[in-house]
Amino acid sequence: MTAATTANEKKAPQRSKRLRKKLFQDEFATFGFELECEFKNDLTDETISQFVDSFFIDAINAENLVFGGGLSSKRLSGFIGSSKRYGSATEADKTKLLAWLKAQPQVATVELGEIIDANYYV
């Protein structure tokens, strides 16, 4: 094997625009971030339900974001992305969401992950 052959093997495959779009790669990649939110211990189911309603209406839908994840009586965790087809969540979205969550009296702790590729998690 020559040096030129080795370099060619490491190169990413050339893909058509149609295929890159279908695979959400390169200019079509979408990005988002993970959310871990723990509730205070003394919350009722009704209080958590009201928080979740407010979370989706005021923090997620109002900012054109989407949330996929889970909820228990102790925590809310999942992934945040853009509601636009080839859109991405931004650092500004992270900052707004963090401020909104910290302002909620039901929330004990909040952690937001780094912005990563929503389809390939890298």
PDB file of N, CA and C in Angstrom:
ATOM      1  N   MET A   1       0.833  -1.190   0.000  1.00  0.00           N
ATOM      2  CA  MET A   1       0.000   0.000   0.000  1.00  0.00           C
ATOM      3  C   MET A   1       0.872   1.245   0.000  1.00  0.00           C
ATOM      4  N   THR A   2       0.539   2.167  -0.819  1.00  0.00           N
ATOM      5  CA  THR A   2       1.302   3.403  -0.883  1.00  0.00           C
ATOM      6  C   THR A   2       0.634   4.458  -0.019  1.00  0.00           C
ATOM      7  N   ALA A   3       1.328   5.558   0.189  1.00  0.00           N
ATOM      8  CA  ALA A   3       0.781   6.652   0.993  1.00  0.00           C
ATOM      9  C   ALA A   3      -0.458   7.249   0.326  1.00  0.00           C
ATOM     10  N   ALA A   4      -0.461   7.317  -1.006  1.00  0.00           N
ATOM     11  CA  ALA A   4      -1.615   7.875  -1.728  1.00  0.00           C
ATOM     12  C   ALA A   4      -2.841   6.986  -1.561  1.00  0.00           C
ATOM     13  N   THR A   5      -2.668   5.680  -1.581  1.00  0.00           N
ATOM     14  CA  THR A   5      -3.783   4.759  -1.403  1.00  0.00           C
ATOM     15  C   THR A   5      -4.358   4.878  -0.007  1.00  0.00           C
ATOM     16  N   THR A   6      -3.501   4.980   1.010  1.00  0.00           N
ATOM     17  CA  THR A   6      -3.946   5.112   2.396  1.00  0.00           C
ATOM     18  C   THR A   6      -4.742   6.398   2.586  1.00  0.00           C
ATOM     19  N   ALA A   7      -4.276   7.488   1.992  1.00  0.00           N
ATOM     20  CA  ALA A   7      -4.977   8.770   2.113  1.00  0.00           C
ATOM     21  C   ALA A   7      -6.352   8.692   1.461  1.00  0.00           C
ATOM     22  N   ASN A   8      -6.453   8.007   0.317  1.00  0.00           N
ATOM     23  CA  ASN A   8      -7.743   7.893  -0.372  1.00  0.00           C
ATOM     24  C   ASN A   8      -8.736   7.061   0.427  1.00  0.00           C
ATOM     25  N   GLU A   9      -8.284   6.049   1.142  1.00  0.00           N
ATOM     26  CA  GLU A   9      -9.176   5.204   1.926  1.00  0.00           C
ATOM     27  C   GLU A   9      -9.779   5.954   3.107  1.00  0.00           C
ATOM     28  N   LYS A  10      -9.069   6.923   3.641  1.00  0.00           N
ATOM     29  CA  LYS A  10      -9.555   7.667   4.805  1.00  0.00           C
ATOM     30  C   LYS A  10     -10.511   8.788   4.419  1.00  0.00           C
ATOM     31  N   LYS A  11     -10.548   9.136   3.150  1.00  0.00           N
ATOM     32  CA  LYS A  11     -11.402  10.222   2.685  1.00  0.00           C
ATOM     33  C   LYS A  11     -12.873   9.811   2.771  1.00  0.00           C
ATOM     34  N   ALA A  12     -13.727  10.733   3.160  1.00  0.00           N
ATOM     35  CA  ALA A  12     -15.167  10.448   3.217  1.00  0.00           C
ATOM     36  C   ALA A  12     -15.685  10.183   1.813  1.00  0.00           C
ATOM     37  N   PRO A  13     -16.643   9.292   1.675  1.00  0.00           N
ATOM     38  CA  PRO A  13     -17.151   8.975   0.342  1.00  0.00           C
ATOM     39  C   PRO A  13     -17.883  10.163  -0.275  1.00  0.00           C
ATOM     40  N   GLN A  14     -17.731  10.301  -1.589  1.00  0.00           N
ATOM     41  CA  GLN A  14     -18.451  11.343  -2.305  1.00  0.00           C
ATOM     42  C   GLN A  14     -19.903  10.900  -2.419  1.00  0.00           C
ATOM     43  N   ARG A  15     -20.811  11.762  -1.983  1.00  0.00           N
ATOM     44  CA  ARG A  15     -22.232  11.436  -2.056  1.00  0.00           C
ATOM     45  C   ARG A  15     -22.967  12.542  -2.789  1.00  0.00           C
ATOM     46  N   SER A  16     -24.014  12.171  -3.480  1.00  0.00           N
ATOM     47  CA  SER A  16     -24.817  13.157  -4.189  1.00  0.00           C
ATOM     48  C   SER A  16     -25.581  14.011  -3.179  1.00  0.00           C
ATOM     49  N   LYS A  17     -26.014  15.160  -3.626  1.00  0.00           N
ATOM     50  CA  LYS A  17     -26.775  16.063  -2.763  1.00  0.00           C
ATOM     51  C   LYS A  17     -28.038  15.377  -2.252  1.00  0.00           C
ATOM     52  N   ARG A  18     -28.681  14.632  -3.117  1.00  0.00           N
ATOM     53  CA  ARG A  18     -29.908  13.905  -2.743  1.00  0.00           C
ATOM     54  C   ARG A  18     -29.636  12.922  -1.601  1.00  0.00           C
ATOM     55  N   LEU A  19     -28.531  12.191  -1.688  1.00  0.00           N
ATOM     56  CA  LEU A  19     -28.202  11.218  -0.656  1.00  0.00           C
ATOM     57  C   LEU A  19     -27.775  11.901   0.645  1.00  0.00           C
ATOM     58  N   ARG A  20     -27.004  12.989   0.546  1.00  0.00           N
ATOM     59  CA  ARG A  20     -26.615  13.735   1.750  1.00  0.00           C
ATOM     60  C   ARG A  20     -27.850  14.266   2.466  1.00  0.00           C
ATOM     61  N   LYS A  21     -28.833  14.725   1.699  1.00  0.00           N
ATOM     62  CA  LYS A  21     -30.076  15.240   2.277  1.00  0.00           C
ATOM     63  C   LYS A  21     -30.842  14.127   2.966  1.00  0.00           C
ATOM     64  N   LYS A  22     -30.929  12.989   2.312  1.00  0.00           N
ATOM     65  CA  LYS A  22     -31.650  11.844   2.855  1.00  0.00           C
ATOM     66  C   LYS A  22     -30.996  11.334   4.145  1.00  0.00           C
ATOM     67  N   LEU A  23     -29.664  11.403   4.215  1.00  0.00           N
ATOM     68  CA  LEU A  23     -28.908  10.918   5.372  1.00  0.00           C
ATOM     69  C   LEU A  23     -28.651  12.002   6.425  1.00  0.00           C
ATOM     70  N   PHE A  24     -29.170  13.212   6.191  1.00  0.00           N
ATOM     71  CA  PHE A  24     -28.955  14.343   7.105  1.00  0.00           C
ATOM     72  C   PHE A  24     -27.464  14.561   7.361  1.00  0.00           C
ATOM     73  N   GLN A  25     -26.689  14.647   6.296  1.00  0.00           N
ATOM     74  CA  GLN A  25     -25.249  14.838   6.420  1.00  0.00           C
ATOM     75  C   GLN A  25     -24.817  16.148   5.788  1.00  0.00           C
ATOM     76  N   ASP A  26     -23.614  16.583   6.164  1.00  0.00           N
ATOM     77  CA  ASP A  26     -22.986  17.793   5.654  1.00  0.00           C
ATOM     78  C   ASP A  26     -23.908  19.001   5.827  1.00  0.00           C
ATOM     79  N   GLU A  27     -24.295  19.663   4.734  1.00  0.00           N
ATOM     80  CA  GLU A  27     -25.112  20.877   4.862  1.00  0.00           C
ATOM     81  C   GLU A  27     -26.531  20.605   5.341  1.00  0.00           C
ATOM     82  N   PHE A  28     -26.933  19.331   5.400  1.00  0.00           N
ATOM     83  CA  PHE A  28     -28.275  18.963   5.849  1.00  0.00           C
ATOM     84  C   PHE A  28     -28.289  18.405   7.275  1.00  0.00           C
ATOM     85  N   ALA A  29     -27.152  18.414   7.945  1.00  0.00           N
ATOM     86  CA  ALA A  29     -27.071  17.909   9.322  1.00  0.00           C
ATOM     87  C   ALA A  29     -27.920  18.781  10.241  1.00  0.00           C
ATOM     88  N   THR A  30     -28.554  18.157  11.215  1.00  0.00           N
ATOM     89  CA  THR A  30     -29.338  18.880  12.210  1.00  0.00           C
ATOM     90  C   THR A  30     -28.724  18.635  13.579  1.00  0.00           C
ATOM     91  N   PHE A  31     -28.786  19.641  14.443  1.00  0.00           N
ATOM     92  CA  PHE A  31     -28.128  19.566  15.735  1.00  0.00           C
ATOM     93  C   PHE A  31     -29.092  19.875  16.873  1.00  0.00           C
ATOM     94  N   GLY A  32     -28.799  19.335  18.022  1.00  0.00           N
ATOM     95  CA  GLY A  32     -29.598  19.561  19.210  1.00  0.00           C
ATOM     96  C   GLY A  32     -28.772  19.278  20.452  1.00  0.00           C
ATOM     97  N   PHE A  33     -29.436  19.192  21.608  1.00  0.00           N
ATOM     98  CA  PHE A  33     -28.714  18.961  22.861  1.00  0.00           C
ATOM     99  C   PHE A  33     -29.581  18.178  23.832  1.00  0.00           C
ATOM    100  N   GLU A  34     -28.909  17.528  24.770  1.00  0.00           N
ATOM    101  CA  GLU A  34     -29.609  16.732  25.778  1.00  0.00           C
ATOM    102  C   GLU A  34     -29.988  17.592  26.977  1.00  0.00           C
ATOM    103  N   LEU A  35     -31.066  17.188  27.636  1.00  0.00           N
ATOM    104  CA  LEU A  35     -31.593  17.887  28.806  1.00  0.00           C
ATOM    105  C   LEU A  35     -31.765  16.894  29.948  1.00  0.00           C
ATOM    106  N   GLU A  36     -31.283  17.251  31.117  1.00  0.00           N
ATOM    107  CA  GLU A  36     -31.521  16.497  32.355  1.00  0.00           C
ATOM    108  C   GLU A  36     -32.012  17.502  33.391  1.00  0.00           C
ATOM    109  N   CYS A  37     -33.225  17.291  33.880  1.00  0.00           N
ATOM    110  CA  CYS A  37     -33.841  18.226  34.819  1.00  0.00           C
ATOM    111  C   CYS A  37     -34.427  17.431  35.980  1.00  0.00           C
ATOM    112  N   GLU A  38     -33.979  17.708  37.191  1.00  0.00           N
ATOM    113  CA  GLU A  38     -34.525  17.027  38.371  1.00  0.00           C
ATOM    114  C   GLU A  38     -35.478  17.961  39.094  1.00  0.00           C
ATOM    115  N   PHE A  39     -36.597  17.377  39.566  1.00  0.00           N
ATOM    116  CA  PHE A  39     -37.602  18.142  40.299  1.00  0.00           C
ATOM    117  C   PHE A  39     -37.300  18.136  41.794  1.00  0.00           C
ATOM    118  N   LYS A  40     -37.885  19.088  42.484  1.00  0.00           N
ATOM    119  CA  LYS A  40     -37.797  19.100  43.944  1.00  0.00           C
ATOM    120  C   LYS A  40     -38.598  17.923  44.501  1.00  0.00           C
ATOM    121  N   ASN A  41     -38.268  17.472  45.690  1.00  0.00           N
ATOM    122  CA  ASN A  41     -38.850  16.254  46.258  1.00  0.00           C
ATOM    123  C   ASN A  41     -40.321  16.348  46.634  1.00  0.00           C
ATOM    124  N   ASP A  42     -40.798  17.492  47.030  1.00  0.00           N
ATOM    125  CA  ASP A  42     -42.140  17.605  47.599  1.00  0.00           C
ATOM    126  C   ASP A  42     -43.235  17.958  46.585  1.00  0.00           C
ATOM    127  N   LEU A  43     -43.072  17.611  45.314  1.00  0.00           N
ATOM    128  CA  LEU A  43     -44.044  18.000  44.294  1.00  0.00           C
ATOM    129  C   LEU A  43     -45.158  16.978  44.138  1.00  0.00           C
ATOM    130  N   THR A  44     -46.363  17.484  43.937  1.00  0.00           N
ATOM    131  CA  THR A  44     -47.510  16.607  43.672  1.00  0.00           C
ATOM    132  C   THR A  44     -47.571  16.294  42.175  1.00  0.00           C
ATOM    133  N   ASP A  45     -48.346  15.311  41.824  1.00  0.00           N
ATOM    134  CA  ASP A  45     -48.526  14.964  40.411  1.00  0.00           C
ATOM    135  C   ASP A  45     -49.151  16.128  39.648  1.00  0.00           C
ATOM    136  N   GLU A  46     -50.059  16.840  40.286  1.00  0.00           N
ATOM    137  CA  GLU A  46     -50.707  17.993  39.659  1.00  0.00           C
ATOM    138  C   GLU A  46     -49.692  19.098  39.353  1.00  0.00           C
ATOM    139  N   THR A  47     -48.784  19.353  40.280  1.00  0.00           N
ATOM    140  CA  THR A  47     -47.755  20.377  40.091  1.00  0.00           C
ATOM    141  C   THR A  47     -46.828  19.994  38.940  1.00  0.00           C
ATOM    142  N   ILE A  48     -46.448  18.738  38.878  1.00  0.00           N
ATOM    143  CA  ILE A  48     -45.576  18.271  37.792  1.00  0.00           C
ATOM    144  C   ILE A  48     -46.311  18.373  36.456  1.00  0.00           C
ATOM    145  N   SER A  49     -47.586  18.026  36.439  1.00  0.00           N
ATOM    146  CA  SER A  49     -48.381  18.124  35.219  1.00  0.00           C
ATOM    147  C   SER A  49     -48.460  19.572  34.726  1.00  0.00           C
ATOM    148  N   GLN A  50     -48.668  20.502  35.649  1.00  0.00           N
ATOM    149  CA  GLN A  50     -48.710  21.922  35.277  1.00  0.00           C
ATOM    150  C   GLN A  50     -47.359  22.388  34.745  1.00  0.00           C
ATOM    151  N   PHE A  51     -46.277  21.912  35.364  1.00  0.00           N
ATOM    152  CA  PHE A  51     -44.931  22.266  34.901  1.00  0.00           C
ATOM    153  C   PHE A  51     -44.715  21.761  33.474  1.00  0.00           C
ATOM    154  N   VAL A  52     -45.078  20.513  33.216  1.00  0.00           N
ATOM    155  CA  VAL A  52     -44.875  19.925  31.888  1.00  0.00           C
ATOM    156  C   VAL A  52     -45.687  20.679  30.831  1.00  0.00           C
ATOM    157  N   ASP A  53     -46.933  21.024  31.145  1.00  0.00           N
ATOM    158  CA  ASP A  53     -47.746  21.818  30.219  1.00  0.00           C
ATOM    159  C   ASP A  53     -47.055  23.142  29.900  1.00  0.00           C
ATOM    160  N   SER A  54     -46.596  23.811  30.926  1.00  0.00           N
ATOM    161  CA  SER A  54     -45.919  25.091  30.755  1.00  0.00           C
ATOM    162  C   SER A  54     -44.607  24.923  29.985  1.00  0.00           C
ATOM    163  N   PHE A  55     -43.887  23.851  30.272  1.00  0.00           N
ATOM    164  CA  PHE A  55     -42.622  23.560  29.596  1.00  0.00           C
ATOM    165  C   PHE A  55     -42.839  23.457  28.084  1.00  0.00           C
ATOM    166  N   PHE A  56     -43.855  22.702  27.679  1.00  0.00           N
ATOM    167  CA  PHE A  56     -44.099  22.533  26.255  1.00  0.00           C
ATOM    168  C   PHE A  56     -44.655  23.792  25.601  1.00  0.00           C
ATOM    169  N   ILE A  57     -45.536  24.498  26.275  1.00  0.00           N
ATOM    170  CA  ILE A  57     -46.151  25.685  25.679  1.00  0.00           C
ATOM    171  C   ILE A  57     -45.182  26.867  25.665  1.00  0.00           C
ATOM    172  N   ASP A  58     -44.579  27.173  26.821  1.00  0.00           N
ATOM    173  CA  ASP A  58     -43.773  28.387  26.957  1.00  0.00           C
ATOM    174  C   ASP A  58     -42.308  28.236  26.550  1.00  0.00           C
ATOM    175  N   ALA A  59     -41.731  27.056  26.761  1.00  0.00           N
ATOM    176  CA  ALA A  59     -40.300  26.907  26.500  1.00  0.00           C
ATOM    177  C   ALA A  59     -39.996  26.171  25.198  1.00  0.00           C
ATOM    178  N   ILE A  60     -40.779  25.191  24.839  1.00  0.00           N
ATOM    179  CA  ILE A  60     -40.480  24.379  23.663  1.00  0.00           C
ATOM    180  C   ILE A  60     -41.203  24.919  22.419  1.00  0.00           C
ATOM    181  N   ASN A  61     -42.521  24.895  22.409  1.00  0.00           N
ATOM    182  CA  ASN A  61     -43.279  25.337  21.230  1.00  0.00           C
ATOM    183  C   ASN A  61     -43.055  26.805  20.902  1.00  0.00           C
ATOM    184  N   ALA A  62     -42.962  27.649  21.913  1.00  0.00           N
ATOM    185  CA  ALA A  62     -42.791  29.082  21.691  1.00  0.00           C
ATOM    186  C   ALA A  62     -41.468  29.405  20.993  1.00  0.00           C
ATOM    187  N   GLU A  63     -40.472  28.535  21.151  1.00  0.00           N
ATOM    188  CA  GLU A  63     -39.160  28.755  20.541  1.00  0.00           C
ATOM    189  C   GLU A  63     -38.935  27.884  19.300  1.00  0.00           C
ATOM    190  N   ASN A  64     -39.992  27.262  18.793  1.00  0.00           N
ATOM    191  CA  ASN A  64     -39.911  26.379  17.628  1.00  0.00           C
ATOM    192  C   ASN A  64     -38.926  25.233  17.836  1.00  0.00           C
ATOM    193  N   LEU A  65     -39.025  24.626  19.006  1.00  0.00           N
ATOM    194  CA  LEU A  65     -38.189  23.476  19.341  1.00  0.00           C
ATOM    195  C   LEU A  65     -39.061  22.238  19.473  1.00  0.00           C
ATOM    196  N   VAL A  66     -38.426  21.080  19.511  1.00  0.00           N
ATOM    197  CA  VAL A  66     -39.108  19.816  19.776  1.00  0.00           C
ATOM    198  C   VAL A  66     -38.360  19.099  20.891  1.00  0.00           C
ATOM    199  N   PHE A  67     -39.102  18.255  21.622  1.00  0.00           N
ATOM    200  CA  PHE A  67     -38.529  17.506  22.736  1.00  0.00           C
ATOM    201  C   PHE A  67     -38.899  16.043  22.577  1.00  0.00           C
ATOM    202  N   GLY A  68     -37.924  15.185  22.751  1.00  0.00           N
ATOM    203  CA  GLY A  68     -38.174  13.752  22.777  1.00  0.00           C
ATOM    204  C   GLY A  68     -37.494  13.188  24.002  1.00  0.00           C
ATOM    205  N   GLY A  69     -38.242  12.513  24.842  1.00  0.00           N
ATOM    206  CA  GLY A  69     -37.618  11.992  26.048  1.00  0.00           C
ATOM    207  C   GLY A  69     -38.633  11.394  26.980  1.00  0.00           C
ATOM    208  N   GLY A  70     -38.331  11.467  28.264  1.00  0.00           N
ATOM    209  CA  GLY A  70     -39.188  10.846  29.254  1.00  0.00           C
ATOM    210  C   GLY A  70     -39.380  11.702  30.485  1.00  0.00           C
ATOM    211  N   LEU A  71     -40.373  11.308  31.274  1.00  0.00           N
ATOM    212  CA  LEU A  71     -40.754  12.047  32.473  1.00  0.00           C
ATOM    213  C   LEU A  71     -41.065  11.051  33.575  1.00  0.00           C
ATOM    214  N   SER A  72     -40.617  11.365  34.776  1.00  0.00           N
ATOM    215  CA  SER A  72     -41.009  10.600  35.954  1.00  0.00           C
ATOM    216  C   SER A  72     -41.362  11.608  37.042  1.00  0.00           C
ATOM    217  N   SER A  73     -41.682  11.115  38.226  1.00  0.00           N
ATOM    218  CA  SER A  73     -42.015  12.029  39.316  1.00  0.00           C
ATOM    219  C   SER A  73     -40.787  12.754  39.842  1.00  0.00           C
ATOM    220  N   LYS A  74     -39.604  12.322  39.435  1.00  0.00           N
ATOM    221  CA  LYS A  74     -38.374  12.937  39.923  1.00  0.00           C
ATOM    222  C   LYS A  74     -37.586  13.697  38.861  1.00  0.00           C
ATOM    223  N   ARG A  75     -37.801  13.374  37.566  1.00  0.00           N
ATOM    224  CA  ARG A  75     -36.973  14.018  36.548  1.00  0.00           C
ATOM    225  C   ARG A  75     -37.639  14.063  35.182  1.00  0.00           C
ATOM    226  N   LEU A  76     -37.112  14.999  34.389  1.00  0.00           N
ATOM    227  CA  LEU A  76     -37.471  15.154  32.991  1.00  0.00           C
ATOM    228  C   LEU A  76     -36.158  15.062  32.223  1.00  0.00           C
ATOM    229  N   SER A  77     -36.067  14.158  31.273  1.00  0.00           N
ATOM    230  CA  SER A  77     -34.826  14.038  30.512  1.00  0.00           C
ATOM    231  C   SER A  77     -35.144  13.710  29.066  1.00  0.00           C
ATOM    232  N   GLY A  78     -34.304  14.220  28.167  1.00  0.00           N
ATOM    233  CA  GLY A  78     -34.534  13.964  26.758  1.00  0.00           C
ATOM    234  C   GLY A  78     -33.613  14.761  25.872  1.00  0.00           C
ATOM    235  N   PHE A  79     -34.028  14.915  24.625  1.00  0.00           N
ATOM    236  CA  PHE A  79     -33.241  15.594  23.608  1.00  0.00           C
ATOM    237  C   PHE A  79     -34.053  16.735  23.020  1.00  0.00           C
ATOM    238  N   ILE A  80     -33.414  17.887  22.843  1.00  0.00           N
ATOM    239  CA  ILE A  80     -34.053  19.081  22.301  1.00  0.00           C
ATOM    240  C   ILE A  80     -33.485  19.342  20.909  1.00  0.00           C
ATOM    241  N   GLY A  81     -34.371  19.591  19.943  1.00  0.00           N
ATOM    242  CA  GLY A  81     -33.955  19.927  18.583  1.00  0.00           C
ATOM    243  C   GLY A  81     -34.872  20.990  18.014  1.00  0.00           C
ATOM    244  N   SER A  82     -34.625  21.370  16.793  1.00  0.00           N
ATOM    245  CA  SER A  82     -35.446  22.372  16.110  1.00  0.00           C
ATOM    246  C   SER A  82     -36.672  21.709  15.496  1.00  0.00           C
ATOM    247  N   SER A  83     -37.781  22.434  15.455  1.00  0.00           N
ATOM    248  CA  SER A  83     -38.992  21.897  14.832  1.00  0.00           C
ATOM    249  C   SER A  83     -38.963  22.068  13.313  1.00  0.00           C
ATOM    250  N   LYS A  84     -37.989  22.817  12.801  1.00  0.00           N
ATOM    251  CA  LYS A  84     -37.858  22.994  11.359  1.00  0.00           C
ATOM    252  C   LYS A  84     -37.194  21.764  10.755  1.00  0.00           C
ATOM    253  N   ARG A  85     -37.587  21.408   9.561  1.00  0.00           N
ATOM    254  CA  ARG A  85     -37.122  20.151   8.954  1.00  0.00           C
ATOM    255  C   ARG A  85     -35.598  20.018   8.930  1.00  0.00           C
ATOM    256  N   TYR A  86     -34.891  21.007   8.466  1.00  0.00           N
ATOM    257  CA  TYR A  86     -33.429  20.946   8.454  1.00  0.00           C
ATOM    258  C   TYR A  86     -32.841  22.008   9.380  1.00  0.00           C
ATOM    259  N   GLY A  87     -33.576  22.355  10.427  1.00  0.00           N
ATOM    260  CA  GLY A  87     -33.118  23.349  11.382  1.00  0.00           C
ATOM    261  C   GLY A  87     -32.361  22.696  12.524  1.00  0.00           C
ATOM    262  N   SER A  88     -31.683  23.508  13.270  1.00  0.00           N
ATOM    263  CA  SER A  88     -30.904  23.026  14.407  1.00  0.00           C
ATOM    264  C   SER A  88     -31.151  23.894  15.622  1.00  0.00           C
ATOM    265  N   ALA A  89     -31.054  23.283  16.786  1.00  0.00           N
ATOM    266  CA  ALA A  89     -31.076  24.054  18.025  1.00  0.00           C
ATOM    267  C   ALA A  89     -29.742  24.785  18.133  1.00  0.00           C
ATOM    268  N   THR A  90     -29.767  25.984  18.690  1.00  0.00           N
ATOM    269  CA  THR A  90     -28.568  26.826  18.757  1.00  0.00           C
ATOM    270  C   THR A  90     -28.154  27.077  20.204  1.00  0.00           C
ATOM    271  N   GLU A  91     -27.011  27.713  20.363  1.00  0.00           N
ATOM    272  CA  GLU A  91     -26.557  28.119  21.697  1.00  0.00           C
ATOM    273  C   GLU A  91     -27.548  29.108  22.313  1.00  0.00           C
ATOM    274  N   ALA A  92     -28.155  29.951  21.477  1.00  0.00           N
ATOM    275  CA  ALA A  92     -29.156  30.904  21.968  1.00  0.00           C
ATOM    276  C   ALA A  92     -30.370  30.156  22.521  1.00  0.00           C
ATOM    277  N   ASP A  93     -30.780  29.075  21.844  1.00  0.00           N
ATOM    278  CA  ASP A  93     -31.886  28.252  22.329  1.00  0.00           C
ATOM    279  C   ASP A  93     -31.529  27.631  23.678  1.00  0.00           C
ATOM    280  N   LYS A  94     -30.305  27.146  23.792  1.00  0.00           N
ATOM    281  CA  LYS A  94     -29.842  26.554  25.051  1.00  0.00           C
ATOM    282  C   LYS A  94     -29.890  27.573  26.187  1.00  0.00           C
ATOM    283  N   THR A  95     -29.405  28.773  25.905  1.00  0.00           N
ATOM    284  CA  THR A  95     -29.366  29.830  26.920  1.00  0.00           C
ATOM    285  C   THR A  95     -30.769  30.200  27.390  1.00  0.00           C
ATOM    286  N   LYS A  96     -31.695  30.361  26.442  1.00  0.00           N
ATOM    287  CA  LYS A  96     -33.085  30.704  26.794  1.00  0.00           C
ATOM    288  C   LYS A  96     -33.740  29.593  27.607  1.00  0.00           C
ATOM    289  N   LEU A  97     -33.538  28.347  27.172  1.00  0.00           N
ATOM    290  CA  LEU A  97     -34.150  27.224  27.879  1.00  0.00           C
ATOM    291  C   LEU A  97     -33.575  27.072  29.281  1.00  0.00           C
ATOM    292  N   LEU A  98     -32.278  27.242  29.418  1.00  0.00           N
ATOM    293  CA  LEU A  98     -31.651  27.157  30.737  1.00  0.00           C
ATOM    294  C   LEU A  98     -32.193  28.234  31.670  1.00  0.00           C
ATOM    295  N   ALA A  99     -32.322  29.456  31.177  1.00  0.00           N
ATOM    296  CA  ALA A  99     -32.863  30.552  31.992  1.00  0.00           C
ATOM    297  C   ALA A  99     -34.309  30.261  32.386  1.00  0.00           C
ATOM    298  N   TRP A 100     -35.109  29.747  31.444  1.00  0.00           N
ATOM    299  CA  TRP A 100     -36.504  29.434  31.738  1.00  0.00           C
ATOM    300  C   TRP A 100     -36.596  28.349  32.804  1.00  0.00           C
ATOM    301  N   LEU A 101     -35.817  27.282  32.669  1.00  0.00           N
ATOM    302  CA  LEU A 101     -35.866  26.179  33.633  1.00  0.00           C
ATOM    303  C   LEU A 101     -35.390  26.612  35.024  1.00  0.00           C
ATOM    304  N   LYS A 102     -34.344  27.427  35.079  1.00  0.00           N
ATOM    305  CA  LYS A 102     -33.841  27.884  36.385  1.00  0.00           C
ATOM    306  C   LYS A 102     -34.832  28.799  37.089  1.00  0.00           C
ATOM    307  N   ALA A 103     -35.700  29.447  36.322  1.00  0.00           N
ATOM    308  CA  ALA A 103     -36.702  30.348  36.901  1.00  0.00           C
ATOM    309  C   ALA A 103     -37.916  29.597  37.450  1.00  0.00           C
ATOM    310  N   GLN A 104     -38.033  28.310  37.167  1.00  0.00           N
ATOM    311  CA  GLN A 104     -39.188  27.533  37.618  1.00  0.00           C
ATOM    312  C   GLN A 104     -38.984  27.034  39.042  1.00  0.00           C
ATOM    313  N   PRO A 105     -39.965  27.264  39.925  1.00  0.00           N
ATOM    314  CA  PRO A 105     -39.811  26.851  41.324  1.00  0.00           C
ATOM    315  C   PRO A 105     -39.818  25.331  41.529  1.00  0.00           C
ATOM    316  N   GLN A 106     -40.308  24.569  40.550  1.00  0.00           N
ATOM    317  CA  GLN A 106     -40.373  23.112  40.674  1.00  0.00           C
ATOM    318  C   GLN A 106     -39.027  22.433  40.413  1.00  0.00           C
ATOM    319  N   VAL A 107     -38.096  23.147  39.800  1.00  0.00           N
ATOM    320  CA  VAL A 107     -36.838  22.558  39.338  1.00  0.00           C
ATOM    321  C   VAL A 107     -35.754  22.654  40.413  1.00  0.00           C
ATOM    322  N   ALA A 108     -35.137  21.505  40.709  1.00  0.00           N
ATOM    323  CA  ALA A 108     -34.022  21.478  41.660  1.00  0.00           C
ATOM    324  C   ALA A 108     -32.693  21.656  40.931  1.00  0.00           C
ATOM    325  N   THR A 109     -32.439  20.856  39.897  1.00  0.00           N
ATOM    326  CA  THR A 109     -31.196  20.959  39.127  1.00  0.00           C
ATOM    327  C   THR A 109     -31.491  20.820  37.638  1.00  0.00           C
ATOM    328  N   VAL A 110     -30.615  21.435  36.833  1.00  0.00           N
ATOM    329  CA  VAL A 110     -30.735  21.379  35.377  1.00  0.00           C
ATOM    330  C   VAL A 110     -29.352  21.174  34.779  1.00  0.00           C
ATOM    331  N   GLU A 111     -29.273  20.281  33.803  1.00  0.00           N
ATOM    332  CA  GLU A 111     -28.041  20.105  33.030  1.00  0.00           C
ATOM    333  C   GLU A 111     -28.409  20.044  31.555  1.00  0.00           C
ATOM    334  N   LEU A 112     -27.709  20.840  30.753  1.00  0.00           N
ATOM    335  CA  LEU A 112     -27.881  20.804  29.308  1.00  0.00           C
ATOM    336  C   LEU A 112     -26.568  20.345  28.697  1.00  0.00           C
ATOM    337  N   GLY A 113     -26.651  19.396  27.771  1.00  0.00           N
ATOM    338  CA  GLY A 113     -25.459  18.865  27.128  1.00  0.00           C
ATOM    339  C   GLY A 113     -24.951  19.771  26.022  1.00  0.00           C
ATOM    340  N   GLU A 114     -23.834  19.367  25.442  1.00  0.00           N
ATOM    341  CA  GLU A 114     -23.260  20.078  24.305  1.00  0.00           C
ATOM    342  C   GLU A 114     -24.150  19.890  23.083  1.00  0.00           C
ATOM    343  N   ILE A 115     -24.051  20.818  22.142  1.00  0.00           N
ATOM    344  CA  ILE A 115     -24.791  20.676  20.894  1.00  0.00           C
ATOM    345  C   ILE A 115     -24.108  19.589  20.060  1.00  0.00           C
ATOM    346  N   ILE A 116     -24.923  18.589  19.667  1.00  0.00           N
ATOM    347  CA  ILE A 116     -24.405  17.443  18.914  1.00  0.00           C
ATOM    348  C   ILE A 116     -25.307  17.159  17.712  1.00  0.00           C
ATOM    349  N   ASP A 117     -24.824  16.321  16.815  1.00  0.00           N
ATOM    350  CA  ASP A 117     -25.596  15.908  15.653  1.00  0.00           C
ATOM    351  C   ASP A 117     -26.808  15.099  16.127  1.00  0.00           C
ATOM    352  N   ALA A 118     -27.989  15.534  15.755  1.00  0.00           N
ATOM    353  CA  ALA A 118     -29.219  14.912  16.240  1.00  0.00           C
ATOM    354  C   ALA A 118     -29.457  13.516  15.661  1.00  0.00           C
ATOM    355  N   ASN A 119     -28.844  13.201  14.545  1.00  0.00           N
ATOM    356  CA  ASN A 119     -29.052  11.912  13.909  1.00  0.00           C
ATOM    357  C   ASN A 119     -27.955  10.901  14.192  1.00  0.00           C
ATOM    358  N   TYR A 120     -26.735  11.396  14.410  1.00  0.00           N
ATOM    359  CA  TYR A 120     -25.599  10.496  14.583  1.00  0.00           C
ATOM    360  C   TYR A 120     -24.930  10.632  15.957  1.00  0.00           C
ATOM    361  N   TYR A 121     -25.398  11.545  16.787  1.00  0.00           N
ATOM    362  CA  TYR A 121     -24.898  11.759  18.152  1.00  0.00           C
ATOM    363  C   TYR A 121     -23.392  11.919  18.244  1.00  0.00           C
ATOM    364  N   VAL A 122     -22.832  12.728  17.375  1.00  0.00           N
ATOM    365  CA  VAL A 122     -21.400  13.026  17.420  1.00  0.00           C
ATOM    366  C   VAL A 122     -21.170  14.507  17.454  1.00  0.00           C
TER     367      VAL A 122
END
